Amino acid sequence: MSLQEILTTTTDQMGRSVKLPFSPKKIICLVPSISELLWDLGLEEELIGITKFCIHPKEMFKTKTRVGGTKNIHFDRIEKLKPDLIIGNKEENTKEMIEELEKTYPVWMTDVNTFEESISMIEQIGKICNRNENAQEISSRLKSLKNSFEQTLSVSKPSSKVLYLIWKKPWMAVGKNTFIDEMLKLAGFENALENVDRYPELTEEDFKNLDVDYVFLSSEPYPFKEKHLEEVEALTYSSKAILVDGELFSWYGSRLLKSFPYFNNLRQQLSF
């Protein structure tokens, strides 16, 4: 029996016990930010399947089999690939889809709402995929970037109140108990909806009643553009609307390495 055929039991971030090969050789990832992480961990050969939203890096997107979206997959494509590990996420994938997959394959689930949980996820995936050293390097760099950025915040101006929009028709924003809320706080902003859970819908009246300094229009999942800025500012009267890179607020893998430099530039743009 080869080393990769030895089975090991591990606990995923949802507390589920998962039995999988000691060193998976055929991995399908259903989470864009984690697909990029796997690539950056040096698992280019082992990663055999991704979603159509796993767009970074370009080489991965062009060369790996796409098995569908994050919520709708082609089970026949997965069957042909015969993975020995599938990586999913509690928020990005549907419960029904995951339950169907785990009837046949080992499915390791992630659940990330905080920076610390993202670090834990990176390190755990490094262990189960036999890339522990690479994962430790990424997590160490992230901790260092976070600490350095927090030092700059300690001497900057007080935080501004921000409404972070992710969708239009209906308008949807970011509340508490989300990774984006965590990243807003780490970036030195105050979430205008910090007392509202998850992703609330907003009416035009809600906009008028909110006292915010800035409205951040995320580049994803809704592709907000320049044309939406005036529309949003008209709803809020006194707030300034800003386009922001949604990936750097919501992707919780190795793309976080770009988040803190981005936050620094954003705060400079807003004259902090």
Protein backbone atom coordinates (compact mmCIF):
# COMPACT_ATOMS: atom_id res chain seq x y z
CA MET A 1 0.00 0.00 0.00
CA SER A 2 1.46 3.39 -1.04
CA LEU A 3 1.65 6.35 1.32
CA GLN A 4 -1.17 8.24 -0.39
CA GLU A 5 -3.49 5.24 0.00
CA ILE A 6 -3.20 5.28 3.80
CA LEU A 7 -6.43 6.68 5.20
CA THR A 8 -6.55 9.19 8.01
CA THR A 9 -9.48 10.69 9.91
CA THR A 10 -9.63 14.43 10.39
CA THR A 11 -12.19 16.93 11.66
CA ASP A 12 -13.24 19.74 9.32
CA GLN A 13 -14.28 23.28 10.29
CA MET A 14 -17.91 22.23 10.70
CA GLY A 15 -16.91 19.61 13.27
CA ARG A 16 -17.51 16.72 10.88
CA SER A 17 -15.29 13.65 10.95
CA VAL A 18 -13.84 13.03 7.48
CA LYS A 19 -11.81 10.01 6.37
CA LEU A 20 -9.45 10.75 3.50
CA PRO A 21 -6.08 9.73 2.07
CA PHE A 22 -3.05 10.87 4.03
CA SER A 23 -1.86 12.81 0.99
CA PRO A 24 -4.72 13.45 -1.48
CA LYS A 25 -3.68 13.22 -5.12
CA LYS A 26 -6.93 14.20 -6.87
CA ILE A 27 -8.58 17.25 -5.32
CA ILE A 28 -11.70 19.09 -6.43
CA CYS A 29 -12.32 22.48 -4.84
CA LEU A 30 -15.74 24.15 -4.89
CA VAL A 31 -14.56 27.42 -3.29
CA PRO A 32 -12.83 30.08 -5.43
CA SER A 33 -10.62 31.54 -2.69
CA ILE A 34 -9.51 28.07 -1.58
CA SER A 35 -8.76 26.91 -5.13
CA GLU A 36 -6.31 29.79 -5.37
CA LEU A 37 -4.90 28.81 -1.97
CA LEU A 38 -4.34 25.21 -3.12
CA TRP A 39 -2.46 26.48 -6.14
CA ASP A 40 -0.32 28.74 -3.97
CA LEU A 41 0.38 25.83 -1.61
CA GLY A 42 2.04 24.01 -4.50
CA LEU A 43 -0.84 21.66 -5.31
CA GLU A 44 -1.05 22.50 -9.02
CA GLU A 45 -0.90 18.83 -10.04
CA GLU A 46 -3.20 17.51 -7.32
CA LEU A 47 -5.94 20.08 -8.04
CA ILE A 48 -7.99 18.49 -10.82
CA GLY A 49 -11.36 20.25 -10.62
CA ILE A 50 -12.61 23.78 -9.86
CA THR A 51 -15.75 25.90 -10.29
CA LYS A 52 -16.37 28.45 -13.02
CA PHE A 53 -15.86 31.15 -10.40
CA CYS A 54 -12.34 29.96 -9.51
CA ILE A 55 -10.76 32.63 -11.70
CA HIS A 56 -7.42 33.12 -9.92
CA PRO A 57 -4.80 32.41 -11.03
CA LYS A 58 -5.51 32.58 -14.76
CA GLU A 59 -3.37 29.53 -15.51
CA MET A 60 -5.47 27.43 -13.15
CA PHE A 61 -8.73 28.72 -14.62
CA LYS A 62 -7.56 27.90 -18.14
CA THR A 63 -6.14 24.44 -17.45
CA LYS A 64 -8.33 22.78 -14.80
CA THR A 65 -11.67 21.05 -15.38
CA ARG A 66 -14.62 23.19 -14.33
CA VAL A 67 -17.30 21.15 -12.62
CA GLY A 68 -19.97 23.87 -12.51
CA GLY A 69 -20.73 26.71 -10.12
CA THR A 70 -20.45 26.94 -6.36
CA LYS A 71 -24.12 26.02 -5.92
CA ASN A 72 -24.81 24.00 -9.06
CA ILE A 73 -22.34 21.35 -10.14
CA HIS A 74 -22.21 18.68 -12.81
CA PHE A 75 -22.06 15.43 -10.88
CA ASP A 76 -21.12 13.51 -14.02
CA ARG A 77 -17.97 15.60 -14.44
CA ILE A 78 -16.99 14.90 -10.86
CA GLU A 79 -17.62 11.19 -11.35
CA LYS A 80 -15.23 11.15 -14.32
CA LEU A 81 -12.52 12.89 -12.29
CA LYS A 82 -12.82 10.42 -9.39
CA PRO A 83 -11.50 12.75 -6.66
CA ASP A 84 -10.06 11.47 -3.40
CA LEU A 85 -10.85 14.82 -1.72
CA ILE A 86 -13.47 17.51 -2.30
CA ILE A 87 -13.19 20.82 -0.44
CA GLY A 88 -16.36 22.85 0.15
CA ASN A 89 -17.64 25.73 2.24
CA LYS A 90 -20.70 26.05 4.46
CA GLU A 91 -21.77 29.41 3.04
CA GLU A 92 -20.76 29.12 -0.60
CA ASN A 93 -22.06 25.60 -1.30
CA THR A 94 -25.54 24.22 -0.70
CA LYS A 95 -26.24 21.65 1.99
CA GLU A 96 -28.08 19.42 -0.48
CA MET A 97 -25.17 19.40 -2.91
CA ILE A 98 -22.63 18.56 -0.22
CA GLU A 99 -24.80 15.80 1.23
CA GLU A 100 -25.06 14.19 -2.21
CA LEU A 101 -21.31 14.42 -2.80
CA GLU A 102 -20.31 12.94 0.55
CA LYS A 103 -22.25 9.78 -0.25
CA THR A 104 -19.40 8.91 -2.61
CA TYR A 105 -16.39 11.11 -1.83
CA PRO A 106 -14.52 12.51 1.20
CA VAL A 107 -15.76 16.11 1.57
CA TRP A 108 -13.81 18.44 3.86
CA MET A 109 -15.90 21.50 4.75
CA THR A 110 -14.65 24.95 5.63
CA ASP A 111 -16.52 27.56 7.69
CA VAL A 112 -14.74 30.91 7.84
CA ASN A 113 -16.16 34.05 9.43
CA THR A 114 -13.07 35.51 11.12
CA PHE A 115 -9.43 36.15 10.32
CA GLU A 116 -8.37 33.55 12.87
CA GLU A 117 -10.65 30.97 11.24
CA SER A 118 -9.05 31.74 7.87
CA ILE A 119 -5.59 31.15 9.38
CA SER A 120 -6.82 27.89 10.91
CA MET A 121 -8.30 26.81 7.57
CA ILE A 122 -5.05 27.49 5.72
CA GLU A 123 -3.00 25.54 8.26
CA GLN A 124 -5.43 22.62 8.40
CA ILE A 125 -5.53 22.29 4.61
CA GLY A 126 -1.74 22.40 4.62
CA LYS A 127 -1.69 19.44 6.99
CA ILE A 128 -4.25 17.26 5.23
CA CYS A 129 -2.72 17.94 1.81
CA ASN A 130 0.87 17.38 2.93
CA ARG A 131 1.86 21.03 2.38
CA ASN A 132 2.29 21.99 6.02
CA GLU A 133 5.49 24.02 5.51
CA ASN A 134 3.97 26.09 2.69
CA ALA A 135 0.80 26.70 4.71
CA GLN A 136 2.80 27.83 7.73
CA GLU A 137 4.70 30.29 5.55
CA ILE A 138 1.48 31.83 4.22
CA SER A 139 -0.14 32.03 7.66
CA SER A 140 2.99 33.63 9.15
CA ARG A 141 3.07 36.25 6.41
CA LEU A 142 -0.61 37.01 6.96
CA LYS A 143 -0.17 37.44 10.70
CA SER A 144 2.76 39.77 10.10
CA LEU A 145 0.82 41.87 7.57
CA LYS A 146 -2.12 42.12 9.96
CA ASN A 147 0.09 43.19 12.86
CA SER A 148 1.89 45.81 10.78
CA PHE A 149 -1.39 47.22 9.49
CA GLU A 150 -2.87 47.37 12.99
CA GLN A 151 0.11 49.47 14.08
CA THR A 152 -0.67 52.02 11.37
CA LEU A 153 -4.30 52.10 12.51
CA SER A 154 -3.28 52.98 16.06
CA VAL A 155 -2.01 56.37 14.87
CA SER A 156 -4.67 57.08 12.23
CA LYS A 157 -7.94 58.96 12.42
CA PRO A 158 -11.07 57.48 14.05
CA SER A 159 -12.97 54.93 12.01
CA SER A 160 -15.66 55.92 9.55
CA LYS A 161 -19.06 54.24 9.38
CA VAL A 162 -19.49 52.17 6.21
CA LEU A 163 -22.42 50.49 4.48
CA TYR A 164 -21.09 47.61 2.38
CA LEU A 165 -23.35 46.65 -0.56
CA ILE A 166 -23.16 43.27 -2.31
CA TRP A 167 -26.31 43.20 -4.47
CA LYS A 168 -28.85 45.27 -6.39
CA LYS A 169 -32.51 44.41 -7.05
CA PRO A 170 -32.96 43.87 -4.21
CA TRP A 171 -30.35 45.94 -2.47
CA MET A 172 -28.39 43.70 -0.12
CA ALA A 173 -25.70 44.64 2.36
CA VAL A 174 -23.31 43.02 4.81
CA GLY A 175 -24.15 42.64 8.49
CA LYS A 176 -22.53 40.92 11.45
CA ASN A 177 -21.39 37.28 11.61
CA THR A 178 -19.77 37.47 8.17
CA PHE A 179 -16.17 37.41 6.99
CA ILE A 180 -16.64 40.76 5.23
CA ASP A 181 -17.75 42.34 8.52
CA GLU A 182 -14.56 41.01 10.09
CA MET A 183 -12.44 42.46 7.30
CA LEU A 184 -14.17 45.84 7.49
CA LYS A 185 -13.26 46.04 11.16
CA LEU A 186 -9.69 44.91 10.51
CA ALA A 187 -9.46 47.63 7.85
CA GLY A 188 -10.42 50.18 10.49
CA PHE A 189 -14.02 50.82 9.50
CA GLU A 190 -17.27 50.59 11.45
CA ASN A 191 -20.01 48.50 9.84
CA ALA A 192 -23.23 50.53 9.73
CA LEU A 193 -25.15 47.25 10.04
CA GLU A 194 -23.11 45.73 12.86
CA ASN A 195 -26.33 44.95 14.76
CA VAL A 196 -28.01 43.19 11.82
CA ASP A 197 -27.28 39.54 11.06
CA ARG A 198 -25.69 38.24 7.85
CA TYR A 199 -26.90 39.79 4.55
CA PRO A 200 -30.03 41.93 5.01
CA GLU A 201 -32.12 43.38 2.20
CA LEU A 202 -32.51 47.16 2.21
CA THR A 203 -35.34 49.38 1.04
CA GLU A 204 -34.82 52.92 -0.23
CA GLU A 205 -36.24 54.10 3.09
CA ASP A 206 -33.54 52.14 4.92
CA PHE A 207 -30.89 54.05 2.99
CA LYS A 208 -32.38 57.37 4.10
CA ASN A 209 -32.42 56.31 7.74
CA LEU A 210 -28.81 55.15 7.82
CA ASP A 211 -26.16 57.55 9.03
CA VAL A 212 -23.02 56.50 7.14
CA ASP A 213 -19.87 58.19 5.91
CA TYR A 214 -19.23 55.88 2.98
CA VAL A 215 -21.09 53.29 0.96
CA PHE A 216 -18.78 50.62 -0.40
CA LEU A 217 -19.99 49.04 -3.64
CA SER A 218 -18.36 45.64 -3.94
CA SER A 219 -17.08 44.26 -7.24
CA GLU A 220 -18.67 40.93 -6.35
CA PRO A 221 -21.00 39.08 -6.23
CA TYR A 222 -22.88 41.93 -7.95
CA PRO A 223 -20.59 43.69 -10.44
CA PHE A 224 -21.07 47.26 -9.28
CA LYS A 225 -19.62 49.84 -11.70
CA GLU A 226 -19.05 53.59 -11.90
CA LYS A 227 -22.58 54.08 -13.19
CA HIS A 228 -24.01 52.94 -9.84
CA LEU A 229 -22.18 55.52 -7.73
CA GLU A 230 -24.52 58.46 -8.33
CA GLU A 231 -27.59 56.23 -7.90
CA VAL A 232 -26.43 55.11 -4.46
CA GLU A 233 -25.35 58.58 -3.37
CA ALA A 234 -28.81 59.87 -4.30
CA LEU A 235 -30.35 57.29 -1.97
CA THR A 236 -28.16 58.20 0.99
CA TYR A 237 -28.00 61.98 0.45
CA SER A 238 -24.82 62.78 2.40
CA SER A 239 -22.73 59.62 1.93
CA LYS A 240 -19.87 59.13 -0.49
CA ALA A 241 -20.08 55.99 -2.65
CA ILE A 242 -16.84 54.11 -3.39
CA LEU A 243 -16.13 51.10 -5.61
CA VAL A 244 -14.10 48.48 -3.72
CA ASP A 245 -12.44 45.20 -4.63
CA GLY A 246 -14.79 42.59 -3.21
CA GLU A 247 -12.23 39.80 -3.47
CA LEU A 248 -9.95 41.59 -1.02
CA PHE A 249 -12.77 41.86 1.52
CA SER A 250 -14.29 38.40 1.06
CA TRP A 251 -11.69 35.87 -0.17
CA TYR A 252 -10.22 34.07 2.83
CA GLY A 253 -7.31 32.16 1.30
CA SER A 254 -3.91 33.33 0.11
CA ARG A 255 -5.50 36.38 -1.58
CA LEU A 256 -5.56 37.86 1.93
CA LEU A 257 -1.88 38.59 1.35
CA LYS A 258 -3.06 41.41 -0.91
CA SER A 259 -5.82 42.64 1.40
CA PHE A 260 -3.87 44.62 3.97
CA PRO A 261 -1.82 46.60 1.41
CA TYR A 262 -5.13 47.29 -0.35
CA PHE A 263 -6.75 48.49 2.88
CA ASN A 264 -3.83 50.84 3.45
CA ASN A 265 -4.20 52.31 -0.04
CA LEU A 266 -7.97 52.59 0.38
CA ARG A 267 -7.61 54.52 3.63
CA GLN A 268 -5.11 56.85 1.96
CA GLN A 269 -7.60 57.36 -0.87
CA LEU A 270 -10.21 58.35 1.70
CA SER A 271 -7.71 60.73 3.32
CA PHE A 272 -7.15 58.83 6.57
